[in-house]
PDB file of N, CA and C in Angstrom:
ATOM      1  N   UNK A   1     132.421   2.945   8.336  1.00  0.00           N
ATOM      2  CA  UNK A   1     132.245   3.206   6.923  1.00  0.00           C
ATOM      3  C   UNK A   1     130.899   2.664   6.432  1.00  0.00           C
ATOM      4  N   UNK A   2     130.502   1.479   6.953  1.00  0.00           N
ATOM      5  CA  UNK A   2     129.227   0.903   6.535  1.00  0.00           C
ATOM      6  C   UNK A   2     128.058   1.789   6.933  1.00  0.00           C
ATOM      7  N   UNK A   3     128.191   2.423   8.095  1.00  0.00           N
ATOM      8  CA  UNK A   3     127.115   3.297   8.560  1.00  0.00           C
ATOM      9  C   UNK A   3     126.892   4.448   7.588  1.00  0.00           C
ATOM     10  N   UNK A   4     127.985   4.970   7.040  1.00  0.00           N
ATOM     11  CA  UNK A   4     127.889   6.094   6.112  1.00  0.00           C
ATOM     12  C   UNK A   4     127.201   5.656   4.823  1.00  0.00           C
ATOM     13  N   UNK A   5     127.538   4.463   4.332  1.00  0.00           N
ATOM     14  CA  UNK A   5     126.897   3.961   3.106  1.00  0.00           C
ATOM     15  C   UNK A   5     125.406   3.745   3.325  1.00  0.00           C
ATOM     16  N   UNK A   6     125.053   3.203   4.477  1.00  0.00           N
ATOM     17  CA  UNK A   6     123.643   2.995   4.795  1.00  0.00           C
ATOM     18  C   UNK A   6     122.929   4.331   4.903  1.00  0.00           C
ATOM     19  N   UNK A   7     123.575   5.267   5.558  1.00  0.00           N
ATOM     20  CA  UNK A   7     123.006   6.601   5.722  1.00  0.00           C
ATOM     21  C   UNK A   7     122.796   7.274   4.356  1.00  0.00           C
ATOM     22  N   UNK A   8     123.757   7.127   3.481  1.00  0.00           N
ATOM     23  CA  UNK A   8     123.658   7.730   2.157  1.00  0.00           C
ATOM     24  C   UNK A   8     122.509   7.104   1.360  1.00  0.00           C
ATOM     25  N   UNK A   9     122.396   5.806   1.398  1.00  0.00           N
ATOM     26  CA  UNK A   9     121.313   5.136   0.674  1.00  0.00           C
ATOM     27  C   UNK A   9     119.950   5.479   1.252  1.00  0.00           C
ATOM     28  N   UNK A  10     119.900   5.600   2.571  1.00  0.00           N
ATOM     29  CA  UNK A  10     118.639   5.965   3.226  1.00  0.00           C
ATOM     30  C   UNK A  10     118.196   7.355   2.785  1.00  0.00           C
ATOM     31  N   UNK A  11     119.141   8.285   2.715  1.00  0.00           N
ATOM     32  CA  UNK A  11     118.811   9.640   2.297  1.00  0.00           C
ATOM     33  C   UNK A  11     118.434   9.700   0.814  1.00  0.00           C
ATOM     34  N   UNK A  12     119.091   8.917  -0.017  1.00  0.00           N
ATOM     35  CA  UNK A  12     118.722   8.875  -1.432  1.00  0.00           C
ATOM     36  C   UNK A  12     117.301   8.346  -1.596  1.00  0.00           C
ATOM     37  N   UNK A  13     116.970   7.296  -0.842  1.00  0.00           N
ATOM     38  CA  UNK A  13     115.618   6.745  -0.941  1.00  0.00           C
ATOM     39  C   UNK A  13     114.589   7.732  -0.387  1.00  0.00           C
ATOM     40  N   UNK A  14     114.954   8.456   0.654  1.00  0.00           N
ATOM     41  CA  UNK A  14     114.068   9.483   1.187  1.00  0.00           C
ATOM     42  C   UNK A  14     113.750  10.516   0.109  1.00  0.00           C
ATOM     43  N   UNK A  15     114.763  10.938  -0.641  1.00  0.00           N
ATOM     44  CA  UNK A  15     114.552  11.885  -1.722  1.00  0.00           C
ATOM     45  C   UNK A  15     113.652  11.315  -2.796  1.00  0.00           C
ATOM     46  N   UNK A  16     113.840  10.041  -3.101  1.00  0.00           N
ATOM     47  CA  UNK A  16     113.017   9.377  -4.111  1.00  0.00           C
ATOM     48  C   UNK A  16     111.547   9.358  -3.686  1.00  0.00           C
ATOM     49  N   UNK A  17     111.299   8.981  -2.446  1.00  0.00           N
ATOM     50  CA  UNK A  17     109.925   8.896  -1.949  1.00  0.00           C
ATOM     51  C   UNK A  17     109.310  10.286  -1.800  1.00  0.00           C
ATOM     52  N   UNK A  18     110.093  11.257  -1.372  1.00  0.00           N
ATOM     53  CA  UNK A  18     109.568  12.612  -1.173  1.00  0.00           C
ATOM     54  C   UNK A  18     109.125  13.246  -2.494  1.00  0.00           C
ATOM     55  N   UNK A  19     109.719  12.815  -3.606  1.00  0.00           N
ATOM     56  CA  UNK A  19     109.320  13.349  -4.909  1.00  0.00           C
ATOM     57  C   UNK A  19     108.104  12.635  -5.499  1.00  0.00           C
ATOM     58  N   UNK A  20     107.662  11.550  -4.883  1.00  0.00           N
ATOM     59  CA  UNK A  20     106.516  10.796  -5.396  1.00  0.00           C
ATOM     60  C   UNK A  20     105.223  11.575  -5.206  1.00  0.00           C
ATOM     61  N   UNK A  21     104.196  11.155  -5.944  1.00  0.00           N
ATOM     62  CA  UNK A  21     102.885  11.768  -5.738  1.00  0.00           C
ATOM     63  C   UNK A  21     102.311  11.265  -4.413  1.00  0.00           C
ATOM     64  N   UNK A  22     101.409  12.032  -3.847  1.00  0.00           N
ATOM     65  CA  UNK A  22     100.880  11.677  -2.528  1.00  0.00           C
ATOM     66  C   UNK A  22      99.889  10.515  -2.573  1.00  0.00           C
ATOM     67  N   UNK A  23      99.639   9.951  -3.741  1.00  0.00           N
ATOM     68  CA  UNK A  23      98.758   8.793  -3.872  1.00  0.00           C
ATOM     69  C   UNK A  23      99.522   7.474  -3.785  1.00  0.00           C
ATOM     70  N   UNK A  24     100.843   7.517  -3.905  1.00  0.00           N
ATOM     71  CA  UNK A  24     101.654   6.293  -3.921  1.00  0.00           C
ATOM     72  C   UNK A  24     101.815   5.755  -2.503  1.00  0.00           C
ATOM     73  N   UNK A  25     101.849   4.429  -2.374  1.00  0.00           N
ATOM     74  CA  UNK A  25     101.931   3.794  -1.064  1.00  0.00           C
ATOM     75  C   UNK A  25     103.197   4.128  -0.270  1.00  0.00           C
ATOM     76  N   UNK A  26     104.386   4.167  -0.892  1.00  0.00           N
ATOM     77  CA  UNK A  26     105.568   4.535  -0.087  1.00  0.00           C
ATOM     78  C   UNK A  26     105.450   5.937   0.508  1.00  0.00           C
ATOM     79  N   UNK A  27     104.886   6.868  -0.251  1.00  0.00           N
ATOM     80  CA  UNK A  27     104.703   8.231   0.242  1.00  0.00           C
ATOM     81  C   UNK A  27     103.717   8.243   1.409  1.00  0.00           C
ATOM     82  N   UNK A  28     102.619   7.521   1.254  1.00  0.00           N
ATOM     83  CA  UNK A  28     101.608   7.451   2.320  1.00  0.00           C
ATOM     84  C   UNK A  28     102.209   6.807   3.567  1.00  0.00           C
ATOM     85  N   UNK A  29     103.005   5.757   3.374  1.00  0.00           N
ATOM     86  CA  UNK A  29     103.624   5.081   4.517  1.00  0.00           C
ATOM     87  C   UNK A  29     104.626   5.984   5.225  1.00  0.00           C
ATOM     88  N   UNK A  30     105.351   6.797   4.464  1.00  0.00           N
ATOM     89  CA  UNK A  30     106.353   7.672   5.070  1.00  0.00           C
ATOM     90  C   UNK A  30     105.709   8.810   5.850  1.00  0.00           C
ATOM     91  N   UNK A  31     104.675   9.423   5.296  1.00  0.00           N
ATOM     92  CA  UNK A  31     104.072  10.590   5.937  1.00  0.00           C
ATOM     93  C   UNK A  31     102.788  10.284   6.685  1.00  0.00           C
ATOM     94  N   UNK A  32     102.303   9.053   6.596  1.00  0.00           N
ATOM     95  CA  UNK A  32     101.061   8.694   7.278  1.00  0.00           C
ATOM     96  C   UNK A  32     101.272   8.577   8.778  1.00  0.00           C
ATOM     97  N   UNK A  33     100.196   8.678   9.504  1.00  0.00           N
ATOM     98  CA  UNK A  33     100.256   8.575  10.964  1.00  0.00           C
ATOM     99  C   UNK A  33      99.343   7.452  11.431  1.00  0.00           C
ATOM    100  N   UNK A  34      99.836   6.651  12.365  1.00  0.00           N
ATOM    101  CA  UNK A  34      99.044   5.587  12.962  1.00  0.00           C
ATOM    102  C   UNK A  34      98.316   6.182  14.152  1.00  0.00           C
ATOM    103  N   UNK A  35      97.071   5.854  14.287  1.00  0.00           N
ATOM    104  CA  UNK A  35      96.248   6.474  15.312  1.00  0.00           C
ATOM    105  C   UNK A  35      96.235   5.693  16.632  1.00  0.00           C
ATOM    106  N   UNK A  36      97.068   4.681  16.751  1.00  0.00           N
ATOM    107  CA  UNK A  36      97.091   3.884  17.977  1.00  0.00           C
ATOM    108  C   UNK A  36      98.002   4.500  19.026  1.00  0.00           C
ATOM    109  N   UNK A  37      97.781   4.083  20.251  1.00  0.00           N
ATOM    110  CA  UNK A  37      98.623   4.494  21.374  1.00  0.00           C
ATOM    111  C   UNK A  37      99.920   3.699  21.317  1.00  0.00           C
ATOM    112  N   UNK A  38     101.039   4.353  21.540  1.00  0.00           N
ATOM    113  CA  UNK A  38     102.309   3.639  21.575  1.00  0.00           C
ATOM    114  C   UNK A  38     102.531   3.056  22.962  1.00  0.00           C
ATOM    115  N   UNK A  39     103.283   1.996  23.018  1.00  0.00           N
ATOM    116  CA  UNK A  39     103.517   1.310  24.295  1.00  0.00           C
ATOM    117  C   UNK A  39     104.367   2.146  25.242  1.00  0.00           C
ATOM    118  N   UNK A  40     104.331   1.764  26.493  1.00  0.00           N
ATOM    119  CA  UNK A  40     105.143   2.429  27.503  1.00  0.00           C
ATOM    120  C   UNK A  40     106.607   2.091  27.316  1.00  0.00           C
ATOM    121  N   UNK A  41     107.464   2.899  27.917  1.00  0.00           N
ATOM    122  CA  UNK A  41     108.898   2.642  27.861  1.00  0.00           C
ATOM    123  C   UNK A  41     109.568   3.353  26.700  1.00  0.00           C
ATOM    124  N   UNK A  42     110.789   2.940  26.458  1.00  0.00           N
ATOM    125  CA  UNK A  42     111.551   3.566  25.369  1.00  0.00           C
ATOM    126  C   UNK A  42     110.932   3.169  24.029  1.00  0.00           C
ATOM    127  N   UNK A  43     110.726   4.168  23.204  1.00  0.00           N
ATOM    128  CA  UNK A  43     110.098   3.929  21.908  1.00  0.00           C
ATOM    129  C   UNK A  43     111.125   3.407  20.908  1.00  0.00           C
ATOM    130  N   UNK A  44     110.676   2.527  20.017  1.00  0.00           N
ATOM    131  CA  UNK A  44     111.536   2.024  18.962  1.00  0.00           C
ATOM    132  C   UNK A  44     111.774   3.138  17.958  1.00  0.00           C
ATOM    133  N   UNK A  45     112.958   3.119  17.364  1.00  0.00           N
ATOM    134  CA  UNK A  45     113.257   4.130  16.352  1.00  0.00           C
ATOM    135  C   UNK A  45     112.478   3.818  15.091  1.00  0.00           C
ATOM    136  N   UNK A  46     111.876   4.851  14.559  1.00  0.00           N
ATOM    137  CA  UNK A  46     111.173   4.721  13.292  1.00  0.00           C
ATOM    138  C   UNK A  46     112.089   5.200  12.184  1.00  0.00           C
ATOM    139  N   UNK A  47     111.694   4.897  10.951  1.00  0.00           N
ATOM    140  CA  UNK A  47     112.503   5.260   9.803  1.00  0.00           C
ATOM    141  C   UNK A  47     112.654   6.778   9.720  1.00  0.00           C
ATOM    142  N   UNK A  48     111.586   7.507   9.996  1.00  0.00           N
ATOM    143  CA  UNK A  48     111.652   8.974   9.945  1.00  0.00           C
ATOM    144  C   UNK A  48     112.542   9.535  11.046  1.00  0.00           C
ATOM    145  N   UNK A  49     112.636   8.835  12.179  1.00  0.00           N
ATOM    146  CA  UNK A  49     113.560   9.265  13.230  1.00  0.00           C
ATOM    147  C   UNK A  49     115.005   9.206  12.721  1.00  0.00           C
ATOM    148  N   UNK A  50     115.308   8.153  11.966  1.00  0.00           N
ATOM    149  CA  UNK A  50     116.648   8.018  11.396  1.00  0.00           C
ATOM    150  C   UNK A  50     116.899   9.101  10.343  1.00  0.00           C
ATOM    151  N   UNK A  51     115.894   9.420   9.545  1.00  0.00           N
ATOM    152  CA  UNK A  51     116.036  10.471   8.534  1.00  0.00           C
ATOM    153  C   UNK A  51     116.296  11.812   9.215  1.00  0.00           C
ATOM    154  N   UNK A  52     115.600  12.073  10.315  1.00  0.00           N
ATOM    155  CA  UNK A  52     115.822  13.326  11.051  1.00  0.00           C
ATOM    156  C   UNK A  52     117.255  13.409  11.558  1.00  0.00           C
ATOM    157  N   UNK A  53     117.779  12.295  12.081  1.00  0.00           N
ATOM    158  CA  UNK A  53     119.165  12.283  12.554  1.00  0.00           C
ATOM    159  C   UNK A  53     120.141  12.515  11.403  1.00  0.00           C
ATOM    160  N   UNK A  54     119.866  11.878  10.265  1.00  0.00           N
ATOM    161  CA  UNK A  54     120.731  12.066   9.100  1.00  0.00           C
ATOM    162  C   UNK A  54     120.706  13.515   8.634  1.00  0.00           C
ATOM    163  N   UNK A  55     119.535  14.126   8.642  1.00  0.00           N
ATOM    164  CA  UNK A  55     119.418  15.528   8.229  1.00  0.00           C
ATOM    165  C   UNK A  55     120.141  16.448   9.201  1.00  0.00           C
ATOM    166  N   UNK A  56     120.104  16.112  10.484  1.00  0.00           N
ATOM    167  CA  UNK A  56     120.836  16.911  11.469  1.00  0.00           C
ATOM    168  C   UNK A  56     122.336  16.902  11.185  1.00  0.00           C
ATOM    169  N   UNK A  57     122.852  15.770  10.708  1.00  0.00           N
ATOM    170  CA  UNK A  57     124.273  15.702  10.363  1.00  0.00           C
ATOM    171  C   UNK A  57     124.595  16.578   9.164  1.00  0.00           C
ATOM    172  N   UNK A  58     123.602  16.807   8.311  1.00  0.00           N
ATOM    173  CA  UNK A  58     123.786  17.691   7.154  1.00  0.00           C
ATOM    174  C   UNK A  58     123.435  19.140   7.496  1.00  0.00           C
ATOM    175  N   UNK A  59     123.123  19.399   8.761  1.00  0.00           N
ATOM    176  CA  UNK A  59     122.708  20.722   9.231  1.00  0.00           C
ATOM    177  C   UNK A  59     121.440  21.192   8.508  1.00  0.00           C
ATOM    178  N   UNK A  60     120.486  20.292   8.361  1.00  0.00           N
ATOM    179  CA  UNK A  60     119.203  20.601   7.725  1.00  0.00           C
ATOM    180  C   UNK A  60     118.058  20.235   8.651  1.00  0.00           C
ATOM    181  N   UNK A  61     116.992  20.984   8.560  1.00  0.00           N
ATOM    182  CA  UNK A  61     115.753  20.591   9.222  1.00  0.00           C
ATOM    183  C   UNK A  61     115.009  19.677   8.258  1.00  0.00           C
ATOM    184  N   UNK A  62     114.124  18.854   8.772  1.00  0.00           N
ATOM    185  CA  UNK A  62     113.409  17.904   7.933  1.00  0.00           C
ATOM    186  C   UNK A  62     112.575  18.614   6.866  1.00  0.00           C
ATOM    187  N   UNK A  63     111.932  19.720   7.229  1.00  0.00           N
ATOM    188  CA  UNK A  63     111.119  20.445   6.240  1.00  0.00           C
ATOM    189  C   UNK A  63     111.995  21.037   5.141  1.00  0.00           C
ATOM    190  N   UNK A  64     113.180  21.527   5.505  1.00  0.00           N
ATOM    191  CA  UNK A  64     114.103  22.057   4.495  1.00  0.00           C
ATOM    192  C   UNK A  64     114.621  20.942   3.591  1.00  0.00           C
ATOM    193  N   UNK A  65     114.896  19.781   4.185  1.00  0.00           N
ATOM    194  CA  UNK A  65     115.376  18.649   3.397  1.00  0.00           C
ATOM    195  C   UNK A  65     114.303  18.185   2.418  1.00  0.00           C
ATOM    196  N   UNK A  66     113.052  18.183   2.858  1.00  0.00           N
ATOM    197  CA  UNK A  66     111.960  17.768   1.980  1.00  0.00           C
ATOM    198  C   UNK A  66     111.848  18.715   0.794  1.00  0.00           C
ATOM    199  N   UNK A  67     111.999  19.996   1.025  1.00  0.00           N
ATOM    200  CA  UNK A  67     111.955  20.956  -0.080  1.00  0.00           C
ATOM    201  C   UNK A  67     113.167  20.792  -0.990  1.00  0.00           C
ATOM    202  N   UNK A  68     114.316  20.481  -0.405  1.00  0.00           N
ATOM    203  CA  UNK A  68     115.532  20.303  -1.186  1.00  0.00           C
ATOM    204  C   UNK A  68     115.450  19.066  -2.083  1.00  0.00           C
ATOM    205  N   UNK A  69     114.694  18.061  -1.669  1.00  0.00           N
ATOM    206  CA  UNK A  69     114.572  16.842  -2.470  1.00  0.00           C
ATOM    207  C   UNK A  69     113.859  17.080  -3.790  1.00  0.00           C
ATOM    208  N   UNK A  70     113.089  18.147  -3.892  1.00  0.00           N
ATOM    209  CA  UNK A  70     112.368  18.416  -5.132  1.00  0.00           C
ATOM    210  C   UNK A  70     113.321  18.724  -6.287  1.00  0.00           C
ATOM    211  N   UNK A  71     114.506  19.234  -5.963  1.00  0.00           N
ATOM    212  CA  UNK A  71     115.556  19.424  -6.960  1.00  0.00           C
ATOM    213  C   UNK A  71     116.501  18.234  -6.824  1.00  0.00           C
ATOM    214  N   UNK A  72     116.346  17.274  -7.706  1.00  0.00           N
ATOM    215  CA  UNK A  72     117.067  16.010  -7.590  1.00  0.00           C
ATOM    216  C   UNK A  72     118.591  16.191  -7.589  1.00  0.00           C
ATOM    217  N   UNK A  73     119.098  17.005  -8.472  1.00  0.00           N
ATOM    218  CA  UNK A  73     120.547  17.200  -8.562  1.00  0.00           C
ATOM    219  C   UNK A  73     121.097  17.836  -7.281  1.00  0.00           C
ATOM    220  N   UNK A  74     120.371  18.802  -6.748  1.00  0.00           N
ATOM    221  CA  UNK A  74     120.808  19.471  -5.514  1.00  0.00           C
ATOM    222  C   UNK A  74     120.801  18.477  -4.347  1.00  0.00           C
ATOM    223  N   UNK A  75     119.782  17.633  -4.289  1.00  0.00           N
ATOM    224  CA  UNK A  75     119.676  16.656  -3.204  1.00  0.00           C
ATOM    225  C   UNK A  75     120.821  15.646  -3.282  1.00  0.00           C
ATOM    226  N   UNK A  76     121.113  15.165  -4.488  1.00  0.00           N
ATOM    227  CA  UNK A  76     122.207  14.213  -4.657  1.00  0.00           C
ATOM    228  C   UNK A  76     123.541  14.834  -4.238  1.00  0.00           C
ATOM    229  N   UNK A  77     123.743  16.089  -4.575  1.00  0.00           N
ATOM    230  CA  UNK A  77     124.967  16.790  -4.179  1.00  0.00           C
ATOM    231  C   UNK A  77     125.065  16.882  -2.666  1.00  0.00           C
ATOM    232  N   UNK A  78     123.964  17.165  -2.029  1.00  0.00           N
ATOM    233  CA  UNK A  78     123.927  17.287  -0.570  1.00  0.00           C
ATOM    234  C   UNK A  78     124.248  15.944   0.094  1.00  0.00           C
ATOM    235  N   UNK A  79     123.704  14.862  -0.446  1.00  0.00           N
ATOM    236  CA  UNK A  79     123.952  13.531   0.110  1.00  0.00           C
ATOM    237  C   UNK A  79     125.398  13.113  -0.127  1.00  0.00           C
ATOM    238  N   UNK A  80     125.940  13.423  -1.294  1.00  0.00           N
ATOM    239  CA  UNK A  80     127.342  13.113  -1.581  1.00  0.00           C
ATOM    240  C   UNK A  80     128.272  13.893  -0.652  1.00  0.00           C
ATOM    241  N   UNK A  81     127.869  15.090  -0.285  1.00  0.00           N
ATOM    242  CA  UNK A  81     128.652  15.908   0.645  1.00  0.00           C
ATOM    243  C   UNK A  81     128.783  15.200   1.990  1.00  0.00           C
ATOM    244  N   UNK A  82     127.735  14.509   2.408  1.00  0.00           N
ATOM    245  CA  UNK A  82     127.769  13.761   3.661  1.00  0.00           C
ATOM    246  C   UNK A  82     128.851  12.688   3.609  1.00  0.00           C
ATOM    247  N   UNK A  83     128.914  11.965   2.508  1.00  0.00           N
ATOM    248  CA  UNK A  83     129.915  10.919   2.358  1.00  0.00           C
ATOM    249  C   UNK A  83     131.326  11.511   2.317  1.00  0.00           C
ATOM    250  N   UNK A  84     131.487  12.630   1.644  1.00  0.00           N
ATOM    251  CA  UNK A  84     132.791  13.287   1.559  1.00  0.00           C
ATOM    252  C   UNK A  84     133.265  13.734   2.932  1.00  0.00           C
ATOM    253  N   UNK A  85     132.360  14.338   3.701  1.00  0.00           N
ATOM    254  CA  UNK A  85     132.718  14.783   5.054  1.00  0.00           C
ATOM    255  C   UNK A  85     133.114  13.611   5.936  1.00  0.00           C
ATOM    256  N   UNK A  86     132.394  12.504   5.794  1.00  0.00           N
ATOM    257  CA  UNK A  86     132.685  11.327   6.612  1.00  0.00           C
ATOM    258  C   UNK A  86     134.035  10.721   6.248  1.00  0.00           C
ATOM    259  N   UNK A  87     134.357  10.695   4.969  1.00  0.00           N
ATOM    260  CA  UNK A  87     135.658  10.156   4.545  1.00  0.00           C
ATOM    261  C   UNK A  87     136.808  11.022   5.035  1.00  0.00           C
ATOM    262  N   UNK A  88     136.620  12.324   5.100  1.00  0.00           N
ATOM    263  CA  UNK A  88     137.665  13.222   5.586  1.00  0.00           C
ATOM    264  C   UNK A  88     137.845  13.096   7.090  1.00  0.00           C
ATOM    265  N   UNK A  89     136.762  12.805   7.790  1.00  0.00           N
ATOM    266  CA  UNK A  89     136.822  12.709   9.249  1.00  0.00           C
ATOM    267  C   UNK A  89     137.516  11.432   9.714  1.00  0.00           C
ATOM    268  N   UNK A  90     137.341  10.333   8.975  1.00  0.00           N
ATOM    269  CA  UNK A  90     137.953   9.064   9.403  1.00  0.00           C
ATOM    270  C   UNK A  90     138.891   8.561   8.303  1.00  0.00           C
ATOM    271  N   UNK A  91     140.216   8.701   8.533  1.00  0.00           N
ATOM    272  CA  UNK A  91     141.180   8.227   7.516  1.00  0.00           C
ATOM    273  C   UNK A  91     141.178   6.709   7.452  1.00  0.00           C
ATOM    274  N   UNK A  92     141.487   6.191   6.269  1.00  0.00           N
ATOM    275  CA  UNK A  92     141.530   4.728   6.093  1.00  0.00           C
ATOM    276  C   UNK A  92     142.822   4.159   6.673  1.00  0.00           C
ATOM    277  N   UNK A  93     142.733   2.912   7.071  1.00  0.00           N
ATOM    278  CA  UNK A  93     143.913   2.239   7.642  1.00  0.00           C
ATOM    279  C   UNK A  93     144.627   1.467   6.594  1.00  0.00           C
TER     280      UNK A  93
END
């Protein structure tokens, strides 16, 4: 259950940042690219990797989700749908 709450908050914040102007630091940090070489071995999960996984659970591509965030009410409905689906899948004890 905690995972779903975290996932929901992460997606809400993603929508908030995606609606920001491209001059704001959170927006730059989310969409900016680091020009360094990544280390060998298994790569650490980045925040955008988690957003992609969350969007996959909603059956959305990241580009579609970004466009959907521009309509705040629609995005909130989509995120609430994730919580509803999760509650139906796992009954409470």
